[in-house]
Amino acid sequence: MPAKSTPRPTRPETVKKGHKWCPRCGQVKVHDLFARNKASNDGLYSICKACEAVDRKAKADAKKGAAVEAAKLKRTRSRKAPTA
């Protein structure tokens, strides 16, 4: 049986001018809390800076963990003596 996932936050019916809804945390925040993105219609990223920072840290930690595992694997392979 699949694990139950947490429900996604729902967008509020109305958002005040100068504010935007972050789908990651489900909060309505002022535009200053969103990074700029020229490609989007409103000129802002869809995810707030705080949520983006959490994602960036998680990705960096995962990358660092993968690099440590690769280094361990490389060390164990180099320590094996060649057989004749």
PDB file of N, CA and C in Angstrom:
ATOM      1  N   MET A   1       0.841  -1.168   0.000  1.00  0.00           N
ATOM      2  CA  MET A   1       0.000   0.000   0.000  1.00  0.00           C
ATOM      3  C   MET A   1       0.893   1.241   0.000  1.00  0.00           C
ATOM      4  N   PRO A   2       0.665   2.211  -0.911  1.00  0.00           N
ATOM      5  CA  PRO A   2       1.530   3.384  -0.957  1.00  0.00           C
ATOM      6  C   PRO A   2       1.367   4.264   0.275  1.00  0.00           C
ATOM      7  N   ALA A   3       2.452   4.942   0.635  1.00  0.00           N
ATOM      8  CA  ALA A   3       2.415   5.829   1.789  1.00  0.00           C
ATOM      9  C   ALA A   3       1.566   7.055   1.468  1.00  0.00           C
ATOM     10  N   LYS A   4       0.867   7.535   2.468  1.00  0.00           N
ATOM     11  CA  LYS A   4       0.033   8.710   2.275  1.00  0.00           C
ATOM     12  C   LYS A   4       0.923   9.946   2.243  1.00  0.00           C
ATOM     13  N   SER A   5       0.736  10.765   1.231  1.00  0.00           N
ATOM     14  CA  SER A   5       1.510  11.995   1.149  1.00  0.00           C
ATOM     15  C   SER A   5       0.711  13.133   1.774  1.00  0.00           C
ATOM     16  N   THR A   6       1.417  14.169   2.152  1.00  0.00           N
ATOM     17  CA  THR A   6       0.729  15.311   2.741  1.00  0.00           C
ATOM     18  C   THR A   6       0.013  16.070   1.635  1.00  0.00           C
ATOM     19  N   PRO A   7      -1.164  16.575   1.917  1.00  0.00           N
ATOM     20  CA  PRO A   7      -1.901  17.301   0.876  1.00  0.00           C
ATOM     21  C   PRO A   7      -1.203  18.604   0.518  1.00  0.00           C
ATOM     22  N   ARG A   8      -1.287  18.970  -0.751  1.00  0.00           N
ATOM     23  CA  ARG A   8      -0.684  20.215  -1.205  1.00  0.00           C
ATOM     24  C   ARG A   8      -1.501  21.382  -0.688  1.00  0.00           C
ATOM     25  N   PRO A   9      -0.834  22.503  -0.386  1.00  0.00           N
ATOM     26  CA  PRO A   9      -1.597  23.677   0.053  1.00  0.00           C
ATOM     27  C   PRO A   9      -2.484  24.190  -1.073  1.00  0.00           C
ATOM     28  N   THR A  10      -3.626  24.705  -0.711  1.00  0.00           N
ATOM     29  CA  THR A  10      -4.539  25.227  -1.728  1.00  0.00           C
ATOM     30  C   THR A  10      -4.386  26.734  -1.838  1.00  0.00           C
ATOM     31  N   ARG A  11      -4.505  27.219  -3.053  1.00  0.00           N
ATOM     32  CA  ARG A  11      -4.350  28.640  -3.327  1.00  0.00           C
ATOM     33  C   ARG A  11      -5.567  29.393  -2.795  1.00  0.00           C
ATOM     34  N   PRO A  12      -5.324  30.517  -2.120  1.00  0.00           N
ATOM     35  CA  PRO A  12      -6.466  31.294  -1.638  1.00  0.00           C
ATOM     36  C   PRO A  12      -7.235  31.920  -2.800  1.00  0.00           C
ATOM     37  N   GLU A  13      -8.497  32.224  -2.568  1.00  0.00           N
ATOM     38  CA  GLU A  13      -9.340  32.793  -3.618  1.00  0.00           C
ATOM     39  C   GLU A  13      -8.807  34.134  -4.104  1.00  0.00           C
ATOM     40  N   THR A  14      -8.433  34.999  -3.179  1.00  0.00           N
ATOM     41  CA  THR A  14      -7.919  36.311  -3.552  1.00  0.00           C
ATOM     42  C   THR A  14      -6.584  36.559  -2.874  1.00  0.00           C
ATOM     43  N   VAL A  15      -5.714  37.264  -3.588  1.00  0.00           N
ATOM     44  CA  VAL A  15      -4.417  37.653  -3.047  1.00  0.00           C
ATOM     45  C   VAL A  15      -4.299  39.154  -3.238  1.00  0.00           C
ATOM     46  N   LYS A  16      -3.928  39.868  -2.167  1.00  0.00           N
ATOM     47  CA  LYS A  16      -3.830  41.322  -2.231  1.00  0.00           C
ATOM     48  C   LYS A  16      -2.771  41.757  -3.235  1.00  0.00           C
ATOM     49  N   LYS A  17      -2.954  42.955  -3.782  1.00  0.00           N
ATOM     50  CA  LYS A  17      -1.993  43.510  -4.721  1.00  0.00           C
ATOM     51  C   LYS A  17      -0.650  43.695  -4.006  1.00  0.00           C
ATOM     52  N   GLY A  18       0.427  43.327  -4.694  1.00  0.00           N
ATOM     53  CA  GLY A  18       1.754  43.419  -4.086  1.00  0.00           C
ATOM     54  C   GLY A  18       2.127  42.185  -3.297  1.00  0.00           C
ATOM     55  N   HIS A  19       1.270  41.163  -3.326  1.00  0.00           N
ATOM     56  CA  HIS A  19       1.512  39.903  -2.623  1.00  0.00           C
ATOM     57  C   HIS A  19       1.450  38.753  -3.624  1.00  0.00           C
ATOM     58  N   LYS A  20       2.002  37.640  -3.223  1.00  0.00           N
ATOM     59  CA  LYS A  20       1.992  36.456  -4.069  1.00  0.00           C
ATOM     60  C   LYS A  20       1.913  35.219  -3.179  1.00  0.00           C
ATOM     61  N   TRP A  21       1.316  34.173  -3.710  1.00  0.00           N
ATOM     62  CA  TRP A  21       1.160  32.909  -2.987  1.00  0.00           C
ATOM     63  C   TRP A  21       2.286  31.961  -3.349  1.00  0.00           C
ATOM     64  N   CYS A  22       2.935  31.362  -2.353  1.00  0.00           N
ATOM     65  CA  CYS A  22       3.989  30.372  -2.571  1.00  0.00           C
ATOM     66  C   CYS A  22       3.363  28.979  -2.479  1.00  0.00           C
ATOM     67  N   PRO A  23       3.410  28.200  -3.566  1.00  0.00           N
ATOM     68  CA  PRO A  23       2.794  26.870  -3.522  1.00  0.00           C
ATOM     69  C   PRO A  23       3.546  25.879  -2.640  1.00  0.00           C
ATOM     70  N   ARG A  24       4.798  26.136  -2.347  1.00  0.00           N
ATOM     71  CA  ARG A  24       5.587  25.212  -1.528  1.00  0.00           C
ATOM     72  C   ARG A  24       5.188  25.287  -0.066  1.00  0.00           C
ATOM     73  N   CYS A  25       5.151  26.501   0.487  1.00  0.00           N
ATOM     74  CA  CYS A  25       4.814  26.644   1.905  1.00  0.00           C
ATOM     75  C   CYS A  25       3.344  26.996   2.125  1.00  0.00           C
ATOM     76  N   GLY A  26       2.647  27.400   1.052  1.00  0.00           N
ATOM     77  CA  GLY A  26       1.232  27.691   1.141  1.00  0.00           C
ATOM     78  C   GLY A  26       0.896  29.034   1.770  1.00  0.00           C
ATOM     79  N   GLN A  27       1.879  29.929   1.864  1.00  0.00           N
ATOM     80  CA  GLN A  27       1.648  31.232   2.484  1.00  0.00           C
ATOM     81  C   GLN A  27       1.596  32.332   1.435  1.00  0.00           C
ATOM     82  N   VAL A  28       0.855  33.366   1.732  1.00  0.00           N
ATOM     83  CA  VAL A  28       0.826  34.566   0.898  1.00  0.00           C
ATOM     84  C   VAL A  28       1.860  35.522   1.467  1.00  0.00           C
ATOM     85  N   LYS A  29       2.791  35.959   0.603  1.00  0.00           N
ATOM     86  CA  LYS A  29       3.891  36.814   1.051  1.00  0.00           C
ATOM     87  C   LYS A  29       4.023  38.012   0.124  1.00  0.00           C
ATOM     88  N   VAL A  30       4.705  39.048   0.611  1.00  0.00           N
ATOM     89  CA  VAL A  30       4.924  40.240  -0.214  1.00  0.00           C
ATOM     90  C   VAL A  30       5.918  39.919  -1.323  1.00  0.00           C
ATOM     91  N   HIS A  31       5.862  40.714  -2.385  1.00  0.00           N
ATOM     92  CA  HIS A  31       6.718  40.473  -3.551  1.00  0.00           C
ATOM     93  C   HIS A  31       8.202  40.494  -3.216  1.00  0.00           C
ATOM     94  N   ASP A  32       8.603  41.240  -2.205  1.00  0.00           N
ATOM     95  CA  ASP A  32      10.020  41.321  -1.831  1.00  0.00           C
ATOM     96  C   ASP A  32      10.587  39.967  -1.404  1.00  0.00           C
ATOM     97  N   LEU A  33       9.741  39.051  -1.011  1.00  0.00           N
ATOM     98  CA  LEU A  33      10.195  37.742  -0.544  1.00  0.00           C
ATOM     99  C   LEU A  33      10.294  36.713  -1.668  1.00  0.00           C
ATOM    100  N   PHE A  34      10.150  37.161  -2.920  1.00  0.00           N
ATOM    101  CA  PHE A  34      10.295  36.301  -4.085  1.00  0.00           C
ATOM    102  C   PHE A  34      11.433  36.834  -4.949  1.00  0.00           C
ATOM    103  N   ALA A  35      12.254  35.956  -5.473  1.00  0.00           N
ATOM    104  CA  ALA A  35      13.350  36.364  -6.344  1.00  0.00           C
ATOM    105  C   ALA A  35      12.797  36.770  -7.707  1.00  0.00           C
ATOM    106  N   ARG A  36      13.546  37.600  -8.413  1.00  0.00           N
ATOM    107  CA  ARG A  36      13.112  38.055  -9.733  1.00  0.00           C
ATOM    108  C   ARG A  36      13.349  36.975 -10.787  1.00  0.00           C
ATOM    109  N   ASN A  37      12.456  36.930 -11.771  1.00  0.00           N
ATOM    110  CA  ASN A  37      12.553  35.994 -12.879  1.00  0.00           C
ATOM    111  C   ASN A  37      11.948  36.662 -14.103  1.00  0.00           C
ATOM    112  N   LYS A  38      12.789  37.101 -15.016  1.00  0.00           N
ATOM    113  CA  LYS A  38      12.311  37.829 -16.193  1.00  0.00           C
ATOM    114  C   LYS A  38      11.417  36.973 -17.086  1.00  0.00           C
ATOM    115  N   ALA A  39      11.562  35.676 -17.039  1.00  0.00           N
ATOM    116  CA  ALA A  39      10.805  34.794 -17.923  1.00  0.00           C
ATOM    117  C   ALA A  39       9.350  34.614 -17.494  1.00  0.00           C
ATOM    118  N   SER A  40       9.029  34.877 -16.238  1.00  0.00           N
ATOM    119  CA  SER A  40       7.649  34.665 -15.783  1.00  0.00           C
ATOM    120  C   SER A  40       6.789  35.888 -16.083  1.00  0.00           C
ATOM    121  N   ASN A  41       5.480  35.684 -16.101  1.00  0.00           N
ATOM    122  CA  ASN A  41       4.538  36.763 -16.425  1.00  0.00           C
ATOM    123  C   ASN A  41       4.614  37.930 -15.443  1.00  0.00           C
ATOM    124  N   ASP A  42       4.733  37.614 -14.150  1.00  0.00           N
ATOM    125  CA  ASP A  42       4.757  38.685 -13.152  1.00  0.00           C
ATOM    126  C   ASP A  42       6.170  39.126 -12.784  1.00  0.00           C
ATOM    127  N   GLY A  43       7.183  38.489 -13.375  1.00  0.00           N
ATOM    128  CA  GLY A  43       8.573  38.873 -13.125  1.00  0.00           C
ATOM    129  C   GLY A  43       9.155  38.292 -11.850  1.00  0.00           C
ATOM    130  N   LEU A  44       8.465  37.326 -11.241  1.00  0.00           N
ATOM    131  CA  LEU A  44       8.928  36.728  -9.988  1.00  0.00           C
ATOM    132  C   LEU A  44       8.905  35.207 -10.088  1.00  0.00           C
ATOM    133  N   TYR A  45       9.781  34.556  -9.314  1.00  0.00           N
ATOM    134  CA  TYR A  45       9.743  33.098  -9.241  1.00  0.00           C
ATOM    135  C   TYR A  45       8.472  32.662  -8.535  1.00  0.00           C
ATOM    136  N   SER A  46       8.038  31.453  -8.792  1.00  0.00           N
ATOM    137  CA  SER A  46       6.794  30.965  -8.179  1.00  0.00           C
ATOM    138  C   SER A  46       7.006  30.562  -6.728  1.00  0.00           C
ATOM    139  N   ILE A  47       8.233  30.231  -6.346  1.00  0.00           N
ATOM    140  CA  ILE A  47       8.533  29.781  -4.985  1.00  0.00           C
ATOM    141  C   ILE A  47       9.262  30.900  -4.244  1.00  0.00           C
ATOM    142  N   CYS A  48       8.919  31.125  -2.990  1.00  0.00           N
ATOM    143  CA  CYS A  48       9.532  32.206  -2.216  1.00  0.00           C
ATOM    144  C   CYS A  48      11.001  31.898  -1.927  1.00  0.00           C
ATOM    145  N   LYS A  49      11.737  32.928  -1.539  1.00  0.00           N
ATOM    146  CA  LYS A  49      13.171  32.797  -1.285  1.00  0.00           C
ATOM    147  C   LYS A  49      13.464  31.803  -0.162  1.00  0.00           C
ATOM    148  N   ALA A  50      12.636  31.778   0.869  1.00  0.00           N
ATOM    149  CA  ALA A  50      12.866  30.869   1.997  1.00  0.00           C
ATOM    150  C   ALA A  50      12.731  29.408   1.567  1.00  0.00           C
ATOM    151  N   CYS A  51      11.708  29.100   0.786  1.00  0.00           N
ATOM    152  CA  CYS A  51      11.519  27.727   0.305  1.00  0.00           C
ATOM    153  C   CYS A  51      12.625  27.345  -0.668  1.00  0.00           C
ATOM    154  N   GLU A  52      13.047  28.289  -1.490  1.00  0.00           N
ATOM    155  CA  GLU A  52      14.126  28.032  -2.439  1.00  0.00           C
ATOM    156  C   GLU A  52      15.427  27.739  -1.695  1.00  0.00           C
ATOM    157  N   ALA A  53      15.674  28.447  -0.589  1.00  0.00           N
ATOM    158  CA  ALA A  53      16.883  28.214   0.205  1.00  0.00           C
ATOM    159  C   ALA A  53      16.880  26.810   0.814  1.00  0.00           C
ATOM    160  N   VAL A  54      15.715  26.367   1.269  1.00  0.00           N
ATOM    161  CA  VAL A  54      15.601  25.013   1.834  1.00  0.00           C
ATOM    162  C   VAL A  54      15.902  23.973   0.753  1.00  0.00           C
ATOM    163  N   ASP A  55      15.346  24.165  -0.445  1.00  0.00           N
ATOM    164  CA  ASP A  55      15.591  23.240  -1.551  1.00  0.00           C
ATOM    165  C   ASP A  55      17.065  23.231  -1.947  1.00  0.00           C
ATOM    166  N   ARG A  56      17.664  24.422  -2.013  1.00  0.00           N
ATOM    167  CA  ARG A  56      19.070  24.532  -2.400  1.00  0.00           C
ATOM    168  C   ARG A  56      19.974  23.828  -1.387  1.00  0.00           C
ATOM    169  N   LYS A  57      19.683  23.986  -0.085  1.00  0.00           N
ATOM    170  CA  LYS A  57      20.483  23.330   0.956  1.00  0.00           C
ATOM    171  C   LYS A  57      20.340  21.816   0.877  1.00  0.00           C
ATOM    172  N   ALA A  58      19.131  21.337   0.665  1.00  0.00           N
ATOM    173  CA  ALA A  58      18.903  19.891   0.569  1.00  0.00           C
ATOM    174  C   ALA A  58      19.648  19.311  -0.631  1.00  0.00           C
ATOM    175  N   LYS A  59      19.617  20.024  -1.748  1.00  0.00           N
ATOM    176  CA  LYS A  59      20.310  19.559  -2.944  1.00  0.00           C
ATOM    177  C   LYS A  59      21.830  19.546  -2.724  1.00  0.00           C
ATOM    178  N   ALA A  60      22.351  20.573  -2.056  1.00  0.00           N
ATOM    179  CA  ALA A  60      23.790  20.645  -1.787  1.00  0.00           C
ATOM    180  C   ALA A  60      24.215  19.533  -0.834  1.00  0.00           C
ATOM    181  N   ASP A  61      23.399  19.273   0.186  1.00  0.00           N
ATOM    182  CA  ASP A  61      23.715  18.193   1.130  1.00  0.00           C
ATOM    183  C   ASP A  61      23.706  16.838   0.424  1.00  0.00           C
ATOM    184  N   ALA A  62      22.747  16.625  -0.465  1.00  0.00           N
ATOM    185  CA  ALA A  62      22.682  15.361  -1.198  1.00  0.00           C
ATOM    186  C   ALA A  62      23.892  15.210  -2.119  1.00  0.00           C
ATOM    187  N   LYS A  63      24.266  16.309  -2.762  1.00  0.00           N
ATOM    188  CA  LYS A  63      25.425  16.277  -3.657  1.00  0.00           C
ATOM    189  C   LYS A  63      26.699  16.005  -2.865  1.00  0.00           C
ATOM    190  N   LYS A  64      26.816  16.632  -1.701  1.00  0.00           N
ATOM    191  CA  LYS A  64      27.987  16.426  -0.851  1.00  0.00           C
ATOM    192  C   LYS A  64      28.045  14.973  -0.373  1.00  0.00           C
ATOM    193  N   GLY A  65      26.904  14.423   0.005  1.00  0.00           N
ATOM    194  CA  GLY A  65      26.854  13.032   0.455  1.00  0.00           C
ATOM    195  C   GLY A  65      27.238  12.067  -0.658  1.00  0.00           C
ATOM    196  N   ALA A  66      26.793  12.359  -1.883  1.00  0.00           N
ATOM    197  CA  ALA A  66      27.140  11.509  -3.023  1.00  0.00           C
ATOM    198  C   ALA A  66      28.630  11.594  -3.308  1.00  0.00           C
ATOM    199  N   ALA A  67      29.227  12.775  -3.164  1.00  0.00           N
ATOM    200  CA  ALA A  67      30.659  12.940  -3.402  1.00  0.00           C
ATOM    201  C   ALA A  67      31.467  12.177  -2.356  1.00  0.00           C
ATOM    202  N   VAL A  68      31.013  12.196  -1.110  1.00  0.00           N
ATOM    203  CA  VAL A  68      31.709  11.464  -0.043  1.00  0.00           C
ATOM    204  C   VAL A  68      31.647   9.968  -0.321  1.00  0.00           C
ATOM    205  N   GLU A  69      30.483   9.472  -0.723  1.00  0.00           N
ATOM    206  CA  GLU A  69      30.350   8.046  -1.036  1.00  0.00           C
ATOM    207  C   GLU A  69      31.229   7.655  -2.218  1.00  0.00           C
ATOM    208  N   ALA A  70      31.311   8.503  -3.234  1.00  0.00           N
ATOM    209  CA  ALA A  70      32.149   8.212  -4.397  1.00  0.00           C
ATOM    210  C   ALA A  70      33.619   8.173  -4.002  1.00  0.00           C
ATOM    211  N   ALA A  71      34.034   9.078  -3.109  1.00  0.00           N
ATOM    212  CA  ALA A  71      35.424   9.098  -2.656  1.00  0.00           C
ATOM    213  C   ALA A  71      35.743   7.838  -1.852  1.00  0.00           C
ATOM    214  N   LYS A  72      34.798   7.394  -1.022  1.00  0.00           N
ATOM    215  CA  LYS A  72      35.006   6.159  -0.252  1.00  0.00           C
ATOM    216  C   LYS A  72      35.156   4.968  -1.185  1.00  0.00           C
ATOM    217  N   LEU A  73      34.303   4.905  -2.204  1.00  0.00           N
ATOM    218  CA  LEU A  73      34.355   3.811  -3.160  1.00  0.00           C
ATOM    219  C   LEU A  73      35.676   3.822  -3.912  1.00  0.00           C
ATOM    220  N   LYS A  74      36.135   4.987  -4.298  1.00  0.00           N
ATOM    221  CA  LYS A  74      37.398   5.116  -5.018  1.00  0.00           C
ATOM    222  C   LYS A  74      38.558   4.655  -4.148  1.00  0.00           C
ATOM    223  N   ARG A  75      38.542   5.031  -2.862  1.00  0.00           N
ATOM    224  CA  ARG A  75      39.612   4.614  -1.946  1.00  0.00           C
ATOM    225  C   ARG A  75      39.634   3.105  -1.773  1.00  0.00           C
ATOM    226  N   THR A  76      38.457   2.482  -1.619  1.00  0.00           N
ATOM    227  CA  THR A  76      38.431   1.033  -1.404  1.00  0.00           C
ATOM    228  C   THR A  76      38.887   0.293  -2.652  1.00  0.00           C
ATOM    229  N   ARG A  77      38.573   0.821  -3.838  1.00  0.00           N
ATOM    230  CA  ARG A  77      39.016   0.177  -5.068  1.00  0.00           C
ATOM    231  C   ARG A  77      40.515   0.296  -5.250  1.00  0.00           C
ATOM    232  N   SER A  78      41.102   1.434  -4.851  1.00  0.00           N
ATOM    233  CA  SER A  78      42.538   1.632  -5.044  1.00  0.00           C
ATOM    234  C   SER A  78      43.349   0.835  -4.030  1.00  0.00           C
ATOM    235  N   ARG A  79      42.775   0.454  -2.908  1.00  0.00           N
ATOM    236  CA  ARG A  79      43.497  -0.297  -1.881  1.00  0.00           C
ATOM    237  C   ARG A  79      43.607  -1.787  -2.208  1.00  0.00           C
ATOM    238  N   LYS A  80      42.751  -2.287  -3.066  1.00  0.00           N
ATOM    239  CA  LYS A  80      42.793  -3.695  -3.405  1.00  0.00           C
ATOM    240  C   LYS A  80      44.064  -4.000  -4.186  1.00  0.00           C
ATOM    241  N   ALA A  81      44.758  -5.042  -3.768  1.00  0.00           N
ATOM    242  CA  ALA A  81      46.001  -5.420  -4.438  1.00  0.00           C
ATOM    243  C   ALA A  81      45.635  -6.185  -5.718  1.00  0.00           C
ATOM    244  N   PRO A  82      46.321  -5.897  -6.802  1.00  0.00           N
ATOM    245  CA  PRO A  82      46.053  -6.637  -8.049  1.00  0.00           C
ATOM    246  C   PRO A  82      46.470  -8.109  -7.898  1.00  0.00           C
ATOM    247  N   THR A  83      45.689  -8.988  -8.454  1.00  0.00           N
ATOM    248  CA  THR A  83      45.993 -10.406  -8.391  1.00  0.00           C
ATOM    249  C   THR A  83      46.645 -10.820  -9.697  1.00  0.00           C
ATOM    250  N   ALA A  84      47.625 -11.726  -9.568  1.00  0.00           N
ATOM    251  CA  ALA A  84      48.366 -12.147 -10.760  1.00  0.00           C
ATOM    252  C   ALA A  84      47.853 -13.416 -11.331  1.00  0.00           C
TER     253      ALA A  84
END
